[in-house]
Amino acid sequence: MNTRSLSLAALTMLDVPPPEQVRIAAETGFTHVGLRLLPATPTDPDYDMLGDTATVRETLAALRETGVRVSDVEIVRLTPDFNLDALRPFLETSARLEARQVLVAGNDDNITRCAQNLARLAQAGKQYGLTMNLEPMPWTALKTVRDAQRLITASGQNNVGILVDAIHFWRAGESLTTLADIPAAQLNYMQLCDAPAQIPDTTDELIYQARSARKVPGEGGLDLRGLLAALPATIPVSLEVPLAGAQGALPAQQRAQLLFNAAQSFL
């Protein structure tokens, strides 16, 4: 029996605006969506998702009409010049969308400063009912699950989780045994995708695969079944699968349906 909810992640549908993403999610069987309120890179589309904008209002209308819920919002980066005040519109909009989980990337090599900023972010998030989730990525300062655990401990906060993304987990050379040490309360959702088993030789290729050329679950070489078995049986699953090639050229709804159907055997 499937006890995991399934969300359509923002990166999977980055080419369509959030209101359309919500409707596509509903039409293809997803119960949740992940929304990107802040662009992750300078080349990402900016859909004007902060504050009382037309896109935010249209997204809220789509959520009401379809019954789809927001699983998570992104992306906050813990950088050396982290500015909490600048994030207030993000936090307010996240709460308005009734999100509960926030994706956080660690982009600061100074763990003391990074932990202090994470603590401030987590404390601010409590006011909005938001939990922060650190996503280890092998090309960032926060590379592994252990790195995330150390940062959470240093922050002293209890509303910070760890987001396990299948491609990042295996690309970082992680072991499933490390997941046993993570308290269930810190595992709020995970991101599912597939990729070639061979780890890329260069950082550029590592990033390219992660951002633009993942594989449909079951069509790559990652141990997805082992990963899911090592995580809580009820952990929500977010399908984060930016596709390339012929599959990536499919219309957004067809891509979403392809991924939804493929994910069923893993849930």
C-alpha atoms as a PDB file:
ATOM      1  CA  MET A   1       0.000   0.000   0.000  1.00  0.00           C
ATOM      2  CA  ASN A   2       1.320   3.437  -0.917  1.00  0.00           C
ATOM      3  CA  THR A   3       1.701   5.537   2.221  1.00  0.00           C
ATOM      4  CA  ARG A   4       3.798   8.291   0.632  1.00  0.00           C
ATOM      5  CA  SER A   5       2.363  11.423  -0.919  1.00  0.00           C
ATOM      6  CA  LEU A   6       3.763  12.428  -4.292  1.00  0.00           C
ATOM      7  CA  SER A   7       4.743  15.975  -5.200  1.00  0.00           C
ATOM      8  CA  LEU A   8       5.705  17.511  -8.553  1.00  0.00           C
ATOM      9  CA  ALA A   9       8.904  19.456  -7.865  1.00  0.00           C
ATOM     10  CA  ALA A  10       9.565  22.941  -9.190  1.00  0.00           C
ATOM     11  CA  LEU A  11      12.735  22.002 -11.087  1.00  0.00           C
ATOM     12  CA  THR A  12      10.822  19.327 -13.010  1.00  0.00           C
ATOM     13  CA  MET A  13       8.442  21.938 -14.431  1.00  0.00           C
ATOM     14  CA  LEU A  14      10.621  25.044 -14.403  1.00  0.00           C
ATOM     15  CA  ASP A  15       9.546  25.906 -17.942  1.00  0.00           C
ATOM     16  CA  VAL A  16       5.923  26.513 -16.915  1.00  0.00           C
ATOM     17  CA  PRO A  17       4.637  29.169 -14.484  1.00  0.00           C
ATOM     18  CA  PRO A  18       3.450  28.020 -11.051  1.00  0.00           C
ATOM     19  CA  PRO A  19      -0.327  28.221 -11.716  1.00  0.00           C
ATOM     20  CA  GLU A  20       0.099  25.921 -14.713  1.00  0.00           C
ATOM     21  CA  GLN A  21       2.337  23.622 -12.709  1.00  0.00           C
ATOM     22  CA  VAL A  22      -0.421  23.249 -10.112  1.00  0.00           C
ATOM     23  CA  ARG A  23      -3.009  22.372 -12.742  1.00  0.00           C
ATOM     24  CA  ILE A  24      -0.670  19.912 -14.466  1.00  0.00           C
ATOM     25  CA  ALA A  25      -0.009  18.244 -11.120  1.00  0.00           C
ATOM     26  CA  ALA A  26      -3.733  17.806 -10.538  1.00  0.00           C
ATOM     27  CA  GLU A  27      -4.373  16.477 -14.043  1.00  0.00           C
ATOM     28  CA  THR A  28      -1.601  13.868 -13.823  1.00  0.00           C
ATOM     29  CA  GLY A  29      -2.311  12.471 -10.366  1.00  0.00           C
ATOM     30  CA  PHE A  30      -0.042  14.402  -7.995  1.00  0.00           C
ATOM     31  CA  THR A  31      -1.462  15.581  -4.684  1.00  0.00           C
ATOM     32  CA  HIS A  32       1.252  18.179  -4.031  1.00  0.00           C
ATOM     33  CA  VAL A  33       3.610  20.575  -5.770  1.00  0.00           C
ATOM     34  CA  GLY A  34       6.909  22.167  -4.870  1.00  0.00           C
ATOM     35  CA  LEU A  35       7.166  25.828  -5.849  1.00  0.00           C
ATOM     36  CA  ARG A  36      10.279  27.892  -6.561  1.00  0.00           C
ATOM     37  CA  LEU A  37       9.691  31.389  -5.216  1.00  0.00           C
ATOM     38  CA  LEU A  38      13.315  32.494  -5.548  1.00  0.00           C
ATOM     39  CA  PRO A  39      15.322  31.599  -8.688  1.00  0.00           C
ATOM     40  CA  ALA A  40      18.192  29.225  -7.932  1.00  0.00           C
ATOM     41  CA  THR A  41      20.515  30.657 -10.609  1.00  0.00           C
ATOM     42  CA  PRO A  42      20.677  33.864 -12.666  1.00  0.00           C
ATOM     43  CA  THR A  43      19.441  31.963 -15.725  1.00  0.00           C
ATOM     44  CA  ASP A  44      16.338  30.517 -14.064  1.00  0.00           C
ATOM     45  CA  PRO A  45      12.957  32.033 -14.933  1.00  0.00           C
ATOM     46  CA  ASP A  46      11.599  34.481 -12.378  1.00  0.00           C
ATOM     47  CA  TYR A  47       7.834  34.104 -12.139  1.00  0.00           C
ATOM     48  CA  ASP A  48       7.343  37.035  -9.727  1.00  0.00           C
ATOM     49  CA  MET A  49       6.302  34.828  -6.813  1.00  0.00           C
ATOM     50  CA  LEU A  50       7.022  37.140  -3.898  1.00  0.00           C
ATOM     51  CA  GLY A  51       4.313  39.238  -2.311  1.00  0.00           C
ATOM     52  CA  ASP A  52       0.801  39.987  -3.528  1.00  0.00           C
ATOM     53  CA  THR A  53       1.563  39.580  -7.215  1.00  0.00           C
ATOM     54  CA  ALA A  54      -0.698  38.427 -10.016  1.00  0.00           C
ATOM     55  CA  THR A  55       1.183  35.127 -10.257  1.00  0.00           C
ATOM     56  CA  VAL A  56       0.832  34.458  -6.530  1.00  0.00           C
ATOM     57  CA  ARG A  57      -2.905  35.172  -6.711  1.00  0.00           C
ATOM     58  CA  GLU A  58      -3.290  32.934  -9.760  1.00  0.00           C
ATOM     59  CA  THR A  59      -1.348  30.167  -8.015  1.00  0.00           C
ATOM     60  CA  LEU A  60      -3.561  30.414  -4.943  1.00  0.00           C
ATOM     61  CA  ALA A  61      -6.633  30.212  -7.173  1.00  0.00           C
ATOM     62  CA  ALA A  62      -5.258  27.111  -8.907  1.00  0.00           C
ATOM     63  CA  LEU A  63      -4.538  25.475  -5.548  1.00  0.00           C
ATOM     64  CA  ARG A  64      -8.087  26.150  -4.365  1.00  0.00           C
ATOM     65  CA  GLU A  65      -9.637  24.923  -7.604  1.00  0.00           C
ATOM     66  CA  THR A  66      -7.662  21.675  -7.778  1.00  0.00           C
ATOM     67  CA  GLY A  67      -7.165  20.746  -4.125  1.00  0.00           C
ATOM     68  CA  VAL A  68      -3.429  20.336  -4.754  1.00  0.00           C
ATOM     69  CA  ARG A  69      -1.300  21.425  -1.804  1.00  0.00           C
ATOM     70  CA  VAL A  70       2.162  22.953  -1.614  1.00  0.00           C
ATOM     71  CA  SER A  71       4.676  20.486  -0.225  1.00  0.00           C
ATOM     72  CA  ASP A  72       7.718  22.756  -0.194  1.00  0.00           C
ATOM     73  CA  VAL A  73       9.127  26.057  -1.408  1.00  0.00           C
ATOM     74  CA  GLU A  74      12.618  27.044  -2.530  1.00  0.00           C
ATOM     75  CA  ILE A  75      15.324  28.124  -2.592  1.00  0.00           C
ATOM     76  CA  VAL A  76      17.131  29.779   0.299  1.00  0.00           C
ATOM     77  CA  ARG A  77      20.925  29.861   0.184  1.00  0.00           C
ATOM     78  CA  LEU A  78      23.088  30.197   3.281  1.00  0.00           C
ATOM     79  CA  THR A  79      25.805  32.387   1.791  1.00  0.00           C
ATOM     80  CA  PRO A  80      28.478  34.562   3.472  1.00  0.00           C
ATOM     81  CA  ASP A  81      26.312  37.634   2.794  1.00  0.00           C
ATOM     82  CA  PHE A  82      23.066  36.017   3.991  1.00  0.00           C
ATOM     83  CA  ASN A  83      20.389  38.651   4.640  1.00  0.00           C
ATOM     84  CA  LEU A  84      17.410  37.543   6.691  1.00  0.00           C
ATOM     85  CA  ASP A  85      15.517  40.825   6.267  1.00  0.00           C
ATOM     86  CA  ALA A  86      15.588  40.391   2.495  1.00  0.00           C
ATOM     87  CA  LEU A  87      13.889  37.005   2.949  1.00  0.00           C
ATOM     88  CA  ARG A  88      10.826  38.319   4.777  1.00  0.00           C
ATOM     89  CA  PRO A  89       8.710  38.457   1.564  1.00  0.00           C
ATOM     90  CA  PHE A  90       9.749  34.863   0.848  1.00  0.00           C
ATOM     91  CA  LEU A  91       8.690  33.681   4.295  1.00  0.00           C
ATOM     92  CA  GLU A  92       5.422  35.609   4.163  1.00  0.00           C
ATOM     93  CA  THR A  93       4.544  34.294   0.702  1.00  0.00           C
ATOM     94  CA  SER A  94       5.445  30.744   1.728  1.00  0.00           C
ATOM     95  CA  ALA A  95       3.011  30.950   4.628  1.00  0.00           C
ATOM     96  CA  ARG A  96       0.333  32.421   2.393  1.00  0.00           C
ATOM     97  CA  LEU A  97       0.717  29.437   0.075  1.00  0.00           C
ATOM     98  CA  GLU A  98       0.367  27.197   3.163  1.00  0.00           C
ATOM     99  CA  ALA A  99       3.776  25.644   2.616  1.00  0.00           C
ATOM    100  CA  ARG A 100       5.424  23.904   5.548  1.00  0.00           C
ATOM    101  CA  GLN A 101       8.859  22.914   4.221  1.00  0.00           C
ATOM    102  CA  VAL A 102      11.633  25.165   2.892  1.00  0.00           C
ATOM    103  CA  LEU A 103      14.593  23.924   0.833  1.00  0.00           C
ATOM    104  CA  VAL A 104      17.885  25.382   2.064  1.00  0.00           C
ATOM    105  CA  ALA A 105      21.303  25.101   0.401  1.00  0.00           C
ATOM    106  CA  GLY A 106      24.592  25.512   2.264  1.00  0.00           C
ATOM    107  CA  ASN A 107      26.890  27.844   0.337  1.00  0.00           C
ATOM    108  CA  ASP A 108      29.234  29.037   3.068  1.00  0.00           C
ATOM    109  CA  ASP A 109      32.500  27.307   4.016  1.00  0.00           C
ATOM    110  CA  ASN A 110      32.527  29.051   7.403  1.00  0.00           C
ATOM    111  CA  ILE A 111      30.494  26.621   9.505  1.00  0.00           C
ATOM    112  CA  THR A 112      30.223  28.980  12.480  1.00  0.00           C
ATOM    113  CA  ARG A 113      28.748  31.786  10.396  1.00  0.00           C
ATOM    114  CA  CYS A 114      26.614  29.359   8.432  1.00  0.00           C
ATOM    115  CA  ALA A 115      25.206  27.831  11.647  1.00  0.00           C
ATOM    116  CA  GLN A 116      24.423  31.280  13.041  1.00  0.00           C
ATOM    117  CA  ASN A 117      22.566  32.230   9.872  1.00  0.00           C
ATOM    118  CA  LEU A 118      20.707  28.923   9.848  1.00  0.00           C
ATOM    119  CA  ALA A 119      19.648  29.544  13.446  1.00  0.00           C
ATOM    120  CA  ARG A 120      18.304  32.983  12.552  1.00  0.00           C
ATOM    121  CA  LEU A 121      16.485  31.570   9.532  1.00  0.00           C
ATOM    122  CA  ALA A 122      14.962  28.702  11.502  1.00  0.00           C
ATOM    123  CA  GLN A 123      13.833  31.018  14.286  1.00  0.00           C
ATOM    124  CA  ALA A 124      12.200  33.348  11.771  1.00  0.00           C
ATOM    125  CA  GLY A 125      10.588  30.381  10.040  1.00  0.00           C
ATOM    126  CA  LYS A 126       8.848  29.322  13.246  1.00  0.00           C
ATOM    127  CA  GLN A 127       6.783  32.495  13.119  1.00  0.00           C
ATOM    128  CA  TYR A 128       5.380  31.334   9.785  1.00  0.00           C
ATOM    129  CA  GLY A 129       5.000  27.624  10.553  1.00  0.00           C
ATOM    130  CA  LEU A 130       7.969  26.776   8.327  1.00  0.00           C
ATOM    131  CA  THR A 131      10.589  24.065   8.757  1.00  0.00           C
ATOM    132  CA  MET A 132      13.987  24.463   7.100  1.00  0.00           C
ATOM    133  CA  ASN A 133      15.458  21.494   5.225  1.00  0.00           C
ATOM    134  CA  LEU A 134      19.155  21.366   4.396  1.00  0.00           C
ATOM    135  CA  GLU A 135      19.870  19.738   1.038  1.00  0.00           C
ATOM    136  CA  PRO A 136      23.396  18.324   0.769  1.00  0.00           C
ATOM    137  CA  MET A 137      24.845  18.742  -2.734  1.00  0.00           C
ATOM    138  CA  PRO A 138      28.328  17.476  -3.584  1.00  0.00           C
ATOM    139  CA  TRP A 139      29.544  20.724  -5.204  1.00  0.00           C
ATOM    140  CA  THR A 140      28.496  22.959  -2.285  1.00  0.00           C
ATOM    141  CA  ALA A 141      29.962  23.570   1.157  1.00  0.00           C
ATOM    142  CA  LEU A 142      27.285  21.205   2.481  1.00  0.00           C
ATOM    143  CA  LYS A 143      28.220  18.014   0.636  1.00  0.00           C
ATOM    144  CA  THR A 144      26.925  15.124   2.717  1.00  0.00           C
ATOM    145  CA  VAL A 145      24.302  14.074   5.228  1.00  0.00           C
ATOM    146  CA  ARG A 146      26.984  14.187   7.924  1.00  0.00           C
ATOM    147  CA  ASP A 147      27.757  17.800   6.982  1.00  0.00           C
ATOM    148  CA  ALA A 148      24.071  18.640   7.364  1.00  0.00           C
ATOM    149  CA  GLN A 149      23.897  16.912  10.752  1.00  0.00           C
ATOM    150  CA  ARG A 150      26.891  18.877  12.016  1.00  0.00           C
ATOM    151  CA  LEU A 151      25.368  22.144  10.841  1.00  0.00           C
ATOM    152  CA  ILE A 152      22.031  21.404  12.504  1.00  0.00           C
ATOM    153  CA  THR A 153      23.791  20.587  15.776  1.00  0.00           C
ATOM    154  CA  ALA A 154      25.822  23.782  15.567  1.00  0.00           C
ATOM    155  CA  SER A 155      22.686  25.837  14.920  1.00  0.00           C
ATOM    156  CA  GLY A 156      20.948  24.535  18.044  1.00  0.00           C
ATOM    157  CA  GLN A 157      17.568  24.584  16.294  1.00  0.00           C
ATOM    158  CA  ASN A 158      14.896  21.882  16.338  1.00  0.00           C
ATOM    159  CA  ASN A 159      12.951  22.908  13.234  1.00  0.00           C
ATOM    160  CA  VAL A 160      15.653  21.999  10.725  1.00  0.00           C
ATOM    161  CA  GLY A 161      15.549  18.795   8.688  1.00  0.00           C
ATOM    162  CA  ILE A 162      17.692  17.062   6.075  1.00  0.00           C
ATOM    163  CA  LEU A 163      16.467  16.737   2.509  1.00  0.00           C
ATOM    164  CA  VAL A 164      17.817  13.618   0.818  1.00  0.00           C
ATOM    165  CA  ASP A 165      17.920  13.934  -2.967  1.00  0.00           C
ATOM    166  CA  ALA A 166      18.654  10.644  -4.740  1.00  0.00           C
ATOM    167  CA  ILE A 167      21.136  12.042  -7.254  1.00  0.00           C
ATOM    168  CA  HIS A 168      23.058  14.130  -4.710  1.00  0.00           C
ATOM    169  CA  PHE A 169      23.092  11.298  -2.173  1.00  0.00           C
ATOM    170  CA  TRP A 170      24.702   8.800  -4.514  1.00  0.00           C
ATOM    171  CA  ARG A 171      26.917  11.338  -6.300  1.00  0.00           C
ATOM    172  CA  ALA A 172      28.449  12.251  -2.925  1.00  0.00           C
ATOM    173  CA  GLY A 173      29.374   8.619  -2.331  1.00  0.00           C
ATOM    174  CA  GLU A 174      27.017   8.312   0.617  1.00  0.00           C
ATOM    175  CA  SER A 175      26.164   5.055   2.406  1.00  0.00           C
ATOM    176  CA  LEU A 176      22.656   3.981   3.325  1.00  0.00           C
ATOM    177  CA  THR A 177      23.876   3.299   6.849  1.00  0.00           C
ATOM    178  CA  THR A 178      24.237   7.047   7.476  1.00  0.00           C
ATOM    179  CA  LEU A 179      20.474   7.454   7.135  1.00  0.00           C
ATOM    180  CA  ALA A 180      19.866   5.310  10.201  1.00  0.00           C
ATOM    181  CA  ASP A 181      21.404   8.041  12.357  1.00  0.00           C
ATOM    182  CA  ILE A 182      18.978  10.730  11.226  1.00  0.00           C
ATOM    183  CA  PRO A 183      15.998  11.191  13.591  1.00  0.00           C
ATOM    184  CA  ALA A 184      12.722  10.578  11.777  1.00  0.00           C
ATOM    185  CA  ALA A 185      11.604  14.075  12.801  1.00  0.00           C
ATOM    186  CA  GLN A 186      14.383  15.516  10.612  1.00  0.00           C
ATOM    187  CA  LEU A 187      13.245  13.672   7.473  1.00  0.00           C
ATOM    188  CA  ASN A 188      10.332  15.744   6.224  1.00  0.00           C
ATOM    189  CA  TYR A 189      10.463  14.838   2.516  1.00  0.00           C
ATOM    190  CA  MET A 190      12.854  13.403  -0.064  1.00  0.00           C
ATOM    191  CA  GLN A 191      13.515  14.003  -3.754  1.00  0.00           C
ATOM    192  CA  LEU A 192      13.311  11.101  -6.182  1.00  0.00           C
ATOM    193  CA  CYS A 193      14.975  10.815  -9.590  1.00  0.00           C
ATOM    194  CA  ASP A 194      17.364   8.537 -11.425  1.00  0.00           C
ATOM    195  CA  ALA A 195      20.730   9.061 -13.113  1.00  0.00           C
ATOM    196  CA  PRO A 196      23.561   7.062 -14.691  1.00  0.00           C
ATOM    197  CA  ALA A 197      25.397   4.945 -12.130  1.00  0.00           C
ATOM    198  CA  GLN A 198      28.760   6.386 -13.207  1.00  0.00           C
ATOM    199  CA  ILE A 199      29.664   9.529 -11.259  1.00  0.00           C
ATOM    200  CA  PRO A 200      30.714  12.364 -13.617  1.00  0.00           C
ATOM    201  CA  ASP A 201      34.418  13.186 -13.799  1.00  0.00           C
ATOM    202  CA  THR A 202      33.958  16.966 -13.621  1.00  0.00           C
ATOM    203  CA  THR A 203      32.017  19.345 -11.427  1.00  0.00           C
ATOM    204  CA  ASP A 204      30.498  20.972 -14.510  1.00  0.00           C
ATOM    205  CA  GLU A 205      29.032  17.654 -15.642  1.00  0.00           C
ATOM    206  CA  LEU A 206      27.905  16.881 -12.107  1.00  0.00           C
ATOM    207  CA  ILE A 207      25.961  20.139 -11.973  1.00  0.00           C
ATOM    208  CA  TYR A 208      24.624  19.769 -15.511  1.00  0.00           C
ATOM    209  CA  GLN A 209      23.171  16.338 -14.814  1.00  0.00           C
ATOM    210  CA  ALA A 210      21.623  17.500 -11.549  1.00  0.00           C
ATOM    211  CA  ARG A 211      20.026  20.654 -12.946  1.00  0.00           C
ATOM    212  CA  SER A 212      19.176  19.658 -16.497  1.00  0.00           C
ATOM    213  CA  ALA A 213      19.569  15.965 -17.337  1.00  0.00           C
ATOM    214  CA  ARG A 214      18.282  13.547 -14.746  1.00  0.00           C
ATOM    215  CA  LYS A 215      16.535  10.301 -15.649  1.00  0.00           C
ATOM    216  CA  VAL A 216      13.065   8.913 -15.120  1.00  0.00           C
ATOM    217  CA  PRO A 217      12.991   6.670 -12.012  1.00  0.00           C
ATOM    218  CA  GLY A 218      13.880   3.168 -13.145  1.00  0.00           C
ATOM    219  CA  GLU A 219      15.757   4.276 -16.263  1.00  0.00           C
ATOM    220  CA  GLY A 220      19.110   4.951 -14.603  1.00  0.00           C
ATOM    221  CA  GLY A 221      21.521   3.152 -12.320  1.00  0.00           C
ATOM    222  CA  LEU A 222      20.862   4.597  -8.858  1.00  0.00           C
ATOM    223  CA  ASP A 223      19.740   2.308  -6.048  1.00  0.00           C
ATOM    224  CA  LEU A 224      16.377   3.965  -5.565  1.00  0.00           C
ATOM    225  CA  ARG A 225      14.709   1.012  -3.882  1.00  0.00           C
ATOM    226  CA  GLY A 226      17.506   0.743  -1.345  1.00  0.00           C
ATOM    227  CA  LEU A 227      17.320   4.467  -0.659  1.00  0.00           C
ATOM    228  CA  LEU A 228      13.559   4.477  -0.159  1.00  0.00           C
ATOM    229  CA  ALA A 229      13.753   1.399   2.055  1.00  0.00           C
ATOM    230  CA  ALA A 230      16.265   3.203   4.273  1.00  0.00           C
ATOM    231  CA  LEU A 231      13.944   6.192   4.718  1.00  0.00           C
ATOM    232  CA  PRO A 232      10.728   6.342   6.781  1.00  0.00           C
ATOM    233  CA  ALA A 233       7.876   4.444   5.142  1.00  0.00           C
ATOM    234  CA  THR A 234       5.636   7.508   5.145  1.00  0.00           C
ATOM    235  CA  ILE A 235       8.146  10.126   3.976  1.00  0.00           C
ATOM    236  CA  PRO A 236       6.616  12.391   1.280  1.00  0.00           C
ATOM    237  CA  VAL A 237       8.270  12.021  -2.109  1.00  0.00           C
ATOM    238  CA  SER A 238       9.005  14.930  -4.430  1.00  0.00           C
ATOM    239  CA  LEU A 239       9.719  14.019  -8.049  1.00  0.00           C
ATOM    240  CA  GLU A 240      12.562  16.313  -9.059  1.00  0.00           C
ATOM    241  CA  VAL A 241      13.462  15.153 -12.550  1.00  0.00           C
ATOM    242  CA  PRO A 242      14.577  17.786 -15.083  1.00  0.00           C
ATOM    243  CA  LEU A 243      14.779  15.823 -18.327  1.00  0.00           C
ATOM    244  CA  ALA A 244      16.962  16.313 -21.394  1.00  0.00           C
ATOM    245  CA  GLY A 245      16.795  15.006 -24.958  1.00  0.00           C
ATOM    246  CA  ALA A 246      13.579  13.700 -26.468  1.00  0.00           C
ATOM    247  CA  GLN A 247      11.910  13.255 -23.085  1.00  0.00           C
ATOM    248  CA  GLY A 248      12.791  16.784 -22.085  1.00  0.00           C
ATOM    249  CA  ALA A 249      11.214  18.069 -25.296  1.00  0.00           C
ATOM    250  CA  LEU A 250       7.833  16.558 -24.433  1.00  0.00           C
ATOM    251  CA  PRO A 251       5.035  18.942 -23.431  1.00  0.00           C
ATOM    252  CA  ALA A 252       5.015  19.618 -19.706  1.00  0.00           C
ATOM    253  CA  GLN A 253       1.890  17.579 -19.010  1.00  0.00           C
ATOM    254  CA  GLN A 254       3.271  14.539 -20.826  1.00  0.00           C
ATOM    255  CA  ARG A 255       6.509  14.787 -18.849  1.00  0.00           C
ATOM    256  CA  ALA A 256       4.590  14.977 -15.599  1.00  0.00           C
ATOM    257  CA  GLN A 257       2.469  11.961 -16.506  1.00  0.00           C
ATOM    258  CA  LEU A 258       5.533   9.967 -17.533  1.00  0.00           C
ATOM    259  CA  LEU A 259       7.165  10.664 -14.182  1.00  0.00           C
ATOM    260  CA  PHE A 260       4.030  10.035 -12.131  1.00  0.00           C
ATOM    261  CA  ASN A 261       3.522   6.658 -13.791  1.00  0.00           C
ATOM    262  CA  ALA A 262       7.180   5.671 -13.368  1.00  0.00           C
ATOM    263  CA  ALA A 263       7.193   6.588  -9.691  1.00  0.00           C
ATOM    264  CA  GLN A 264       4.339   4.269  -8.769  1.00  0.00           C
ATOM    265  CA  SER A 265       6.486   1.138  -8.595  1.00  0.00           C
ATOM    266  CA  PHE A 266       8.817   2.845  -6.101  1.00  0.00           C
ATOM    267  CA  LEU A 267       6.176   4.016  -3.655  1.00  0.00           C
END
